[in-house]
Amino acid sequence: YVDRKRANFSTWYEFFPRSAAPEPGKHGTFKDCERLLP
């Protein structure tokens, strides 16, 4: 079975979206995650 190349070469970064908020005490959002992508 032949997969695309990322099956053999990938570099993962895991984080919790709910901890992505810029301010303490707030629940992170997908929009906050988007800000962290760069």
ModelCIF file with pLDDT and N, C-alpha, C, O atoms, coordinates in Angstrom:
data_MODEL
#
_entry.id   MODEL 
#
_entity.id                         1 
_entity.type                       polymer 
_entity.pdbx_number_of_molecules   1 
#
_entity_poly.entity_id                      1 
_entity_poly.type                           'polypeptide(L)' 
_entity_poly.nstd_linkage                   no 
_entity_poly.nstd_monomer                   no 
_entity_poly.pdbx_seq_one_letter_code       YVDRKRANFSTWYEFFPRSAAPEPGKHGTFKDCERLLP 
_entity_poly.pdbx_seq_one_letter_code_can   YVDRKRANFSTWYEFFPRSAAPEPGKHGTFKDCERLLP 
_entity_poly.pdbx_strand_id                 A 
#
loop_
_entity_poly_seq.entity_id 
_entity_poly_seq.num 
_entity_poly_seq.mon_id 
_entity_poly_seq.hetero 
1 1  TYR n 
1 2  VAL n 
1 3  ASP n 
1 4  ARG n 
1 5  LYS n 
1 6  ARG n 
1 7  ALA n 
1 8  ASN n 
1 9  PHE n 
1 10 SER n 
1 11 THR n 
1 12 TRP n 
1 13 TYR n 
1 14 GLU n 
1 15 PHE n 
1 16 PHE n 
1 17 PRO n 
1 18 ARG n 
1 19 SER n 
1 20 ALA n 
1 21 ALA n 
1 22 PRO n 
1 23 GLU n 
1 24 PRO n 
1 25 GLY n 
1 26 LYS n 
1 27 HIS n 
1 28 GLY n 
1 29 THR n 
1 30 PHE n 
1 31 LYS n 
1 32 ASP n 
1 33 CYS n 
1 34 GLU n 
1 35 ARG n 
1 36 LEU n 
1 37 LEU n 
1 38 PRO n 
#
_struct_asym.id          A 
_struct_asym.entity_id   1 
#
loop_
_ma_qa_metric.id 
_ma_qa_metric.mode 
_ma_qa_metric.name 
_ma_qa_metric.software_group_id 
_ma_qa_metric.type 
1 global pLDDT . pLDDT 
2 local  pLDDT . pLDDT 
#
_ma_qa_metric_global.metric_id      1 
_ma_qa_metric_global.metric_value   97.53 
_ma_qa_metric_global.model_id       1 
_ma_qa_metric_global.ordinal_id     1 
#
loop_
_ma_qa_metric_local.label_asym_id 
_ma_qa_metric_local.label_comp_id 
_ma_qa_metric_local.label_seq_id 
_ma_qa_metric_local.metric_id 
_ma_qa_metric_local.metric_value 
_ma_qa_metric_local.model_id 
_ma_qa_metric_local.ordinal_id 
A TYR 1  2 98.00 1 1  
A VAL 2  2 98.00 1 2  
A ASP 3  2 98.00 1 3  
A ARG 4  2 98.00 1 4  
A LYS 5  2 98.00 1 5  
A ARG 6  2 98.00 1 6  
A ALA 7  2 98.00 1 7  
A ASN 8  2 98.00 1 8  
A PHE 9  2 98.00 1 9  
A SER 10 2 98.00 1 10 
A THR 11 2 98.00 1 11 
A TRP 12 2 98.00 1 12 
A TYR 13 2 98.00 1 13 
A GLU 14 2 98.00 1 14 
A PHE 15 2 98.00 1 15 
A PHE 16 2 98.00 1 16 
A PRO 17 2 98.00 1 17 
A ARG 18 2 98.00 1 18 
A SER 19 2 98.00 1 19 
A ALA 20 2 98.00 1 20 
A ALA 21 2 97.00 1 21 
A PRO 22 2 96.00 1 22 
A GLU 23 2 95.00 1 23 
A PRO 24 2 94.00 1 24 
A GLY 25 2 92.00 1 25 
A LYS 26 2 96.00 1 26 
A HIS 27 2 98.00 1 27 
A GLY 28 2 98.00 1 28 
A THR 29 2 98.00 1 29 
A PHE 30 2 98.00 1 30 
A LYS 31 2 98.00 1 31 
A ASP 32 2 98.00 1 32 
A CYS 33 2 98.00 1 33 
A GLU 34 2 98.00 1 34 
A ARG 35 2 98.00 1 35 
A LEU 36 2 98.00 1 36 
A LEU 37 2 98.00 1 37 
A PRO 38 2 98.00 1 38 
#
loop_
_atom_site.group_PDB 
_atom_site.id 
_atom_site.type_symbol 
_atom_site.label_atom_id 
_atom_site.label_alt_id 
_atom_site.label_comp_id 
_atom_site.label_asym_id 
_atom_site.label_entity_id 
_atom_site.label_seq_id 
_atom_site.pdbx_PDB_ins_code 
_atom_site.Cartn_x 
_atom_site.Cartn_y 
_atom_site.Cartn_z 
_atom_site.occupancy 
_atom_site.B_iso_or_equiv 
_atom_site.pdbx_formal_charge 
_atom_site.auth_seq_id 
_atom_site.auth_comp_id 
_atom_site.auth_asym_id 
_atom_site.auth_atom_id 
_atom_site.pdbx_PDB_model_num 
ATOM 1   N N  . TYR A 1 1  ? 0.847   -1.187 0.000  1.00 98.00 ? 1  TYR A N  1 
ATOM 2   C CA . TYR A 1 1  ? 0.000   0.000  0.000  1.00 98.00 ? 1  TYR A CA 1 
ATOM 3   C C  . TYR A 1 1  ? 0.884   1.238  0.000  1.00 98.00 ? 1  TYR A C  1 
ATOM 4   O O  . TYR A 1 1  ? 1.816   1.355  0.796  1.00 98.00 ? 1  TYR A O  1 
ATOM 5   N N  . VAL A 1 2  ? 0.574   2.161  -0.909 1.00 98.00 ? 2  VAL A N  1 
ATOM 6   C CA . VAL A 1 2  ? 1.391   3.351  -1.101 1.00 98.00 ? 2  VAL A CA 1 
ATOM 7   C C  . VAL A 1 2  ? 0.633   4.571  -0.584 1.00 98.00 ? 2  VAL A C  1 
ATOM 8   O O  . VAL A 1 2  ? -0.446  4.904  -1.072 1.00 98.00 ? 2  VAL A O  1 
ATOM 9   N N  . ASP A 1 3  ? 1.216   5.225  0.406  1.00 98.00 ? 3  ASP A N  1 
ATOM 10  C CA . ASP A 1 3  ? 0.658   6.458  0.963  1.00 98.00 ? 3  ASP A CA 1 
ATOM 11  C C  . ASP A 1 3  ? 1.366   7.667  0.377  1.00 98.00 ? 3  ASP A C  1 
ATOM 12  O O  . ASP A 1 3  ? 2.388   7.549  -0.299 1.00 98.00 ? 3  ASP A O  1 
ATOM 13  N N  . ARG A 1 4  ? 0.801   8.822  0.651  1.00 98.00 ? 4  ARG A N  1 
ATOM 14  C CA . ARG A 1 4  ? 1.513   10.059 0.297  1.00 98.00 ? 4  ARG A CA 1 
ATOM 15  C C  . ARG A 1 4  ? 2.735   10.216 1.202  1.00 98.00 ? 4  ARG A C  1 
ATOM 16  O O  . ARG A 1 4  ? 2.869   9.531  2.216  1.00 98.00 ? 4  ARG A O  1 
ATOM 17  N N  . LYS A 1 5  ? 3.611   11.121 0.817  1.00 98.00 ? 5  LYS A N  1 
ATOM 18  C CA . LYS A 1 5  ? 4.913   11.190 1.474  1.00 98.00 ? 5  LYS A CA 1 
ATOM 19  C C  . LYS A 1 5  ? 4.831   11.558 2.950  1.00 98.00 ? 5  LYS A C  1 
ATOM 20  O O  . LYS A 1 5  ? 5.721   11.210 3.726  1.00 98.00 ? 5  LYS A O  1 
ATOM 21  N N  . ARG A 1 6  ? 3.774   12.256 3.340  1.00 98.00 ? 6  ARG A N  1 
ATOM 22  C CA . ARG A 1 6  ? 3.696   12.658 4.743  1.00 98.00 ? 6  ARG A CA 1 
ATOM 23  C C  . ARG A 1 6  ? 3.532   11.472 5.687  1.00 98.00 ? 6  ARG A C  1 
ATOM 24  O O  . ARG A 1 6  ? 3.737   11.609 6.893  1.00 98.00 ? 6  ARG A O  1 
ATOM 25  N N  . ALA A 1 7  ? 3.169   10.326 5.159  1.00 98.00 ? 7  ALA A N  1 
ATOM 26  C CA . ALA A 1 7  ? 3.120   9.130  6.010  1.00 98.00 ? 7  ALA A CA 1 
ATOM 27  C C  . ALA A 1 7  ? 4.500   8.763  6.518  1.00 98.00 ? 7  ALA A C  1 
ATOM 28  O O  . ALA A 1 7  ? 4.634   8.158  7.581  1.00 98.00 ? 7  ALA A O  1 
ATOM 29  N N  . ASN A 1 8  ? 5.527   9.128  5.762  1.00 98.00 ? 8  ASN A N  1 
ATOM 30  C CA . ASN A 1 8  ? 6.908   8.764  6.097  1.00 98.00 ? 8  ASN A CA 1 
ATOM 31  C C  . ASN A 1 8  ? 7.688   9.923  6.696  1.00 98.00 ? 8  ASN A C  1 
ATOM 32  O O  . ASN A 1 8  ? 8.693   9.720  7.377  1.00 98.00 ? 8  ASN A O  1 
ATOM 33  N N  . PHE A 1 9  ? 7.216   11.152 6.434  1.00 98.00 ? 9  PHE A N  1 
ATOM 34  C CA . PHE A 1 9  ? 7.953   12.329 6.900  1.00 98.00 ? 9  PHE A CA 1 
ATOM 35  C C  . PHE A 1 9  ? 6.954   13.381 7.364  1.00 98.00 ? 9  PHE A C  1 
ATOM 36  O O  . PHE A 1 9  ? 6.262   14.002 6.556  1.00 98.00 ? 9  PHE A O  1 
ATOM 37  N N  . SER A 1 10 ? 6.891   13.569 8.677  1.00 98.00 ? 10 SER A N  1 
ATOM 38  C CA . SER A 1 10 ? 5.983   14.559 9.244  1.00 98.00 ? 10 SER A CA 1 
ATOM 39  C C  . SER A 1 10 ? 6.562   15.076 10.552 1.00 98.00 ? 10 SER A C  1 
ATOM 40  O O  . SER A 1 10 ? 7.299   14.376 11.247 1.00 98.00 ? 10 SER A O  1 
ATOM 41  N N  . THR A 1 11 ? 6.215   16.309 10.868 1.00 98.00 ? 11 THR A N  1 
ATOM 42  C CA . THR A 1 11 ? 6.741   16.959 12.058 1.00 98.00 ? 11 THR A CA 1 
ATOM 43  C C  . THR A 1 11 ? 5.558   17.576 12.804 1.00 98.00 ? 11 THR A C  1 
ATOM 44  O O  . THR A 1 11 ? 5.034   18.617 12.407 1.00 98.00 ? 11 THR A O  1 
ATOM 45  N N  . TRP A 1 12 ? 5.150   16.925 13.877 1.00 98.00 ? 12 TRP A N  1 
ATOM 46  C CA . TRP A 1 12 ? 3.900   17.248 14.562 1.00 98.00 ? 12 TRP A CA 1 
ATOM 47  C C  . TRP A 1 12 ? 4.117   18.226 15.715 1.00 98.00 ? 12 TRP A C  1 
ATOM 48  O O  . TRP A 1 12 ? 5.122   18.175 16.425 1.00 98.00 ? 12 TRP A O  1 
ATOM 49  N N  . TYR A 1 13 ? 3.135   19.120 15.875 1.00 98.00 ? 13 TYR A N  1 
ATOM 50  C CA . TYR A 1 13 ? 3.095   20.008 17.045 1.00 98.00 ? 13 TYR A CA 1 
ATOM 51  C C  . TYR A 1 13 ? 1.709   19.884 17.668 1.00 98.00 ? 13 TYR A C  1 
ATOM 52  O O  . TYR A 1 13 ? 0.700   20.192 17.034 1.00 98.00 ? 13 TYR A O  1 
ATOM 53  N N  . GLU A 1 14 ? 1.676   19.428 18.920 1.00 98.00 ? 14 GLU A N  1 
ATOM 54  C CA . GLU A 1 14 ? 0.412   19.252 19.630 1.00 98.00 ? 14 GLU A CA 1 
ATOM 55  C C  . GLU A 1 14 ? 0.227   20.360 20.651 1.00 98.00 ? 14 GLU A C  1 
ATOM 56  O O  . GLU A 1 14 ? 1.140   20.686 21.409 1.00 98.00 ? 14 GLU A O  1 
ATOM 57  N N  . PHE A 1 15 ? -0.969  20.933 20.660 1.00 98.00 ? 15 PHE A N  1 
ATOM 58  C CA . PHE A 1 15 ? -1.310  21.841 21.752 1.00 98.00 ? 15 PHE A CA 1 
ATOM 59  C C  . PHE A 1 15 ? -2.822  21.814 21.972 1.00 98.00 ? 15 PHE A C  1 
ATOM 60  O O  . PHE A 1 15 ? -3.583  21.367 21.114 1.00 98.00 ? 15 PHE A O  1 
ATOM 61  N N  . PHE A 1 16 ? -3.242  22.307 23.151 1.00 98.00 ? 16 PHE A N  1 
ATOM 62  C CA . PHE A 1 16 ? -4.650  22.305 23.525 1.00 98.00 ? 16 PHE A CA 1 
ATOM 63  C C  . PHE A 1 16 ? -5.299  23.602 23.050 1.00 98.00 ? 16 PHE A C  1 
ATOM 64  O O  . PHE A 1 16 ? -4.895  24.676 23.495 1.00 98.00 ? 16 PHE A O  1 
ATOM 65  N N  . PRO A 1 17 ? -6.287  23.540 22.164 1.00 98.00 ? 17 PRO A N  1 
ATOM 66  C CA . PRO A 1 17 ? -6.933  24.770 21.685 1.00 98.00 ? 17 PRO A CA 1 
ATOM 67  C C  . PRO A 1 17 ? -7.523  25.619 22.801 1.00 98.00 ? 17 PRO A C  1 
ATOM 68  O O  . PRO A 1 17 ? -7.544  26.846 22.705 1.00 98.00 ? 17 PRO A O  1 
ATOM 69  N N  . ARG A 1 18 ? -8.000  24.978 23.853 1.00 98.00 ? 18 ARG A N  1 
ATOM 70  C CA . ARG A 1 18 ? -8.623  25.756 24.920 1.00 98.00 ? 18 ARG A CA 1 
ATOM 71  C C  . ARG A 1 18 ? -7.610  26.578 25.707 1.00 98.00 ? 18 ARG A C  1 
ATOM 72  O O  . ARG A 1 18 ? -7.991  27.457 26.479 1.00 98.00 ? 18 ARG A O  1 
ATOM 73  N N  . SER A 1 19 ? -6.314  26.296 25.517 1.00 98.00 ? 19 SER A N  1 
ATOM 74  C CA . SER A 1 19 ? -5.263  27.078 26.183 1.00 98.00 ? 19 SER A CA 1 
ATOM 75  C C  . SER A 1 19 ? -4.640  28.114 25.253 1.00 98.00 ? 19 SER A C  1 
ATOM 76  O O  . SER A 1 19 ? -3.560  28.632 25.538 1.00 98.00 ? 19 SER A O  1 
ATOM 77  N N  . ALA A 1 20 ? -5.312  28.419 24.145 1.00 98.00 ? 20 ALA A N  1 
ATOM 78  C CA . ALA A 1 20 ? -4.734  29.314 23.130 1.00 98.00 ? 20 ALA A CA 1 
ATOM 79  C C  . ALA A 1 20 ? -5.104  30.777 23.321 1.00 98.00 ? 20 ALA A C  1 
ATOM 80  O O  . ALA A 1 20 ? -4.628  31.630 22.572 1.00 98.00 ? 20 ALA A O  1 
ATOM 81  N N  . ALA A 1 21 ? -5.939  31.085 24.303 1.00 97.00 ? 21 ALA A N  1 
ATOM 82  C CA . ALA A 1 21 ? -6.386  32.467 24.483 1.00 97.00 ? 21 ALA A CA 1 
ATOM 83  C C  . ALA A 1 21 ? -5.219  33.371 24.877 1.00 97.00 ? 21 ALA A C  1 
ATOM 84  O O  . ALA A 1 21 ? -4.346  32.954 25.638 1.00 97.00 ? 21 ALA A O  1 
ATOM 85  N N  . PRO A 1 22 ? -5.194  34.598 24.370 1.00 96.00 ? 22 PRO A N  1 
ATOM 86  C CA . PRO A 1 22 ? -4.092  35.507 24.736 1.00 96.00 ? 22 PRO A CA 1 
ATOM 87  C C  . PRO A 1 22 ? -4.209  36.052 26.154 1.00 96.00 ? 22 PRO A C  1 
ATOM 88  O O  . PRO A 1 22 ? -3.209  36.476 26.734 1.00 96.00 ? 22 PRO A O  1 
ATOM 89  N N  . GLU A 1 23 ? -5.421  36.047 26.724 1.00 95.00 ? 23 GLU A N  1 
ATOM 90  C CA . GLU A 1 23 ? -5.607  36.589 28.068 1.00 95.00 ? 23 GLU A CA 1 
ATOM 91  C C  . GLU A 1 23 ? -5.789  35.458 29.077 1.00 95.00 ? 23 GLU A C  1 
ATOM 92  O O  . GLU A 1 23 ? -6.458  34.468 28.780 1.00 95.00 ? 23 GLU A O  1 
ATOM 93  N N  . PRO A 1 24 ? -5.203  35.596 30.263 1.00 94.00 ? 24 PRO A N  1 
ATOM 94  C CA . PRO A 1 24 ? -5.413  34.583 31.308 1.00 94.00 ? 24 PRO A CA 1 
ATOM 95  C C  . PRO A 1 24 ? -6.881  34.492 31.693 1.00 94.00 ? 24 PRO A C  1 
ATOM 96  O O  . PRO A 1 24 ? -7.615  35.479 31.667 1.00 94.00 ? 24 PRO A O  1 
ATOM 97  N N  . GLY A 1 25 ? -7.290  33.266 32.056 1.00 92.00 ? 25 GLY A N  1 
ATOM 98  C CA . GLY A 1 25 ? -8.638  33.087 32.548 1.00 92.00 ? 25 GLY A CA 1 
ATOM 99  C C  . GLY A 1 25 ? -9.696  32.929 31.482 1.00 92.00 ? 25 GLY A C  1 
ATOM 100 O O  . GLY A 1 25 ? -10.875 32.784 31.806 1.00 92.00 ? 25 GLY A O  1 
ATOM 101 N N  . LYS A 1 26 ? -9.309  32.954 30.219 1.00 96.00 ? 26 LYS A N  1 
ATOM 102 C CA . LYS A 1 26 ? -10.273 32.809 29.145 1.00 96.00 ? 26 LYS A CA 1 
ATOM 103 C C  . LYS A 1 26 ? -10.105 31.464 28.442 1.00 96.00 ? 26 LYS A C  1 
ATOM 104 O O  . LYS A 1 26 ? -9.008  30.908 28.389 1.00 96.00 ? 26 LYS A O  1 
ATOM 105 N N  . HIS A 1 27 ? -11.190 30.963 27.915 1.00 98.00 ? 27 HIS A N  1 
ATOM 106 C CA . HIS A 1 27 ? -11.188 29.720 27.144 1.00 98.00 ? 27 HIS A CA 1 
ATOM 107 C C  . HIS A 1 27 ? -10.757 30.034 25.719 1.00 98.00 ? 27 HIS A C  1 
ATOM 108 O O  . HIS A 1 27 ? -11.317 30.928 25.084 1.00 98.00 ? 27 HIS A O  1 
ATOM 109 N N  . GLY A 1 28 ? -9.777  29.314 25.218 1.00 98.00 ? 28 GLY A N  1 
ATOM 110 C CA . GLY A 1 28 ? -9.300  29.542 23.863 1.00 98.00 ? 28 GLY A CA 1 
ATOM 111 C C  . GLY A 1 28 ? -10.328 29.137 22.822 1.00 98.00 ? 28 GLY A C  1 
ATOM 112 O O  . GLY A 1 28 ? -11.240 28.358 23.097 1.00 98.00 ? 28 GLY A O  1 
ATOM 113 N N  . THR A 1 29 ? -10.167 29.674 21.636 1.00 98.00 ? 29 THR A N  1 
ATOM 114 C CA . THR A 1 29 ? -11.077 29.406 20.529 1.00 98.00 ? 29 THR A CA 1 
ATOM 115 C C  . THR A 1 29 ? -10.288 28.995 19.291 1.00 98.00 ? 29 THR A C  1 
ATOM 116 O O  . THR A 1 29 ? -9.062  29.095 19.253 1.00 98.00 ? 29 THR A O  1 
ATOM 117 N N  . PHE A 1 30 ? -11.029 28.524 18.267 1.00 98.00 ? 30 PHE A N  1 
ATOM 118 C CA . PHE A 1 30 ? -10.371 28.197 17.005 1.00 98.00 ? 30 PHE A CA 1 
ATOM 119 C C  . PHE A 1 30 ? -9.731  29.444 16.393 1.00 98.00 ? 30 PHE A C  1 
ATOM 120 O O  . PHE A 1 30 ? -8.689  29.355 15.743 1.00 98.00 ? 30 PHE A O  1 
ATOM 121 N N  . LYS A 1 31 ? -10.349 30.594 16.599 1.00 98.00 ? 31 LYS A N  1 
ATOM 122 C CA . LYS A 1 31 ? -9.754  31.833 16.088 1.00 98.00 ? 31 LYS A CA 1 
ATOM 123 C C  . LYS A 1 31 ? -8.441  32.138 16.808 1.00 98.00 ? 31 LYS A C  1 
ATOM 124 O O  . LYS A 1 31 ? -7.501  32.642 16.193 1.00 98.00 ? 31 LYS A O  1 
ATOM 125 N N  . ASP A 1 32 ? -8.369  31.836 18.103 1.00 98.00 ? 32 ASP A N  1 
ATOM 126 C CA . ASP A 1 32 ? -7.107  31.992 18.831 1.00 98.00 ? 32 ASP A CA 1 
ATOM 127 C C  . ASP A 1 32 ? -6.053  31.038 18.279 1.00 98.00 ? 32 ASP A C  1 
ATOM 128 O O  . ASP A 1 32 ? -4.888  31.411 18.141 1.00 98.00 ? 32 ASP A O  1 
ATOM 129 N N  . CYS A 1 33 ? -6.459  29.805 17.961 1.00 98.00 ? 33 CYS A N  1 
ATOM 130 C CA . CYS A 1 33 ? -5.529  28.837 17.373 1.00 98.00 ? 33 CYS A CA 1 
ATOM 131 C C  . CYS A 1 33 ? -4.997  29.343 16.039 1.00 98.00 ? 33 CYS A C  1 
ATOM 132 O O  . CYS A 1 33 ? -3.817  29.184 15.728 1.00 98.00 ? 33 CYS A O  1 
ATOM 133 N N  . GLU A 1 34 ? -5.879  29.953 15.256 1.00 98.00 ? 34 GLU A N  1 
ATOM 134 C CA . GLU A 1 34 ? -5.480  30.484 13.948 1.00 98.00 ? 34 GLU A CA 1 
ATOM 135 C C  . GLU A 1 34 ? -4.375  31.528 14.112 1.00 98.00 ? 34 GLU A C  1 
ATOM 136 O O  . GLU A 1 34 ? -3.469  31.626 13.284 1.00 98.00 ? 34 GLU A O  1 
ATOM 137 N N  . ARG A 1 35 ? -4.463  32.303 15.190 1.00 98.00 ? 35 ARG A N  1 
ATOM 138 C CA . ARG A 1 35 ? -3.444  33.319 15.460 1.00 98.00 ? 35 ARG A CA 1 
ATOM 139 C C  . ARG A 1 35 ? -2.081  32.691 15.759 1.00 98.00 ? 35 ARG A C  1 
ATOM 140 O O  . ARG A 1 35 ? -1.050  33.324 15.536 1.00 98.00 ? 35 ARG A O  1 
ATOM 141 N N  . LEU A 1 36 ? -2.065  31.460 16.260 1.00 98.00 ? 36 LEU A N  1 
ATOM 142 C CA . LEU A 1 36 ? -0.815  30.803 16.635 1.00 98.00 ? 36 LEU A CA 1 
ATOM 143 C C  . LEU A 1 36 ? -0.157  30.057 15.477 1.00 98.00 ? 36 LEU A C  1 
ATOM 144 O O  . LEU A 1 36 ? 1.004   29.663 15.581 1.00 98.00 ? 36 LEU A O  1 
ATOM 145 N N  . LEU A 1 37 ? -0.874  29.860 14.387 1.00 98.00 ? 37 LEU A N  1 
ATOM 146 C CA . LEU A 1 37 ? -0.351  29.052 13.291 1.00 98.00 ? 37 LEU A CA 1 
ATOM 147 C C  . LEU A 1 37 ? 0.965   29.585 12.719 1.00 98.00 ? 37 LEU A C  1 
ATOM 148 O O  . LEU A 1 37 ? 1.864   28.786 12.460 1.00 98.00 ? 37 LEU A O  1 
ATOM 149 N N  . PRO A 1 38 ? 1.122   30.909 12.508 1.00 98.00 ? 38 PRO A N  1 
ATOM 150 C CA . PRO A 1 38 ? 2.410   31.388 11.971 1.00 98.00 ? 38 PRO A CA 1 
ATOM 151 C C  . PRO A 1 38 ? 3.593   31.033 12.877 1.00 98.00 ? 38 PRO A C  1 
ATOM 152 O O  . PRO A 1 38 ? 4.735   31.367 12.560 1.00 98.00 ? 38 PRO A O  1 
#
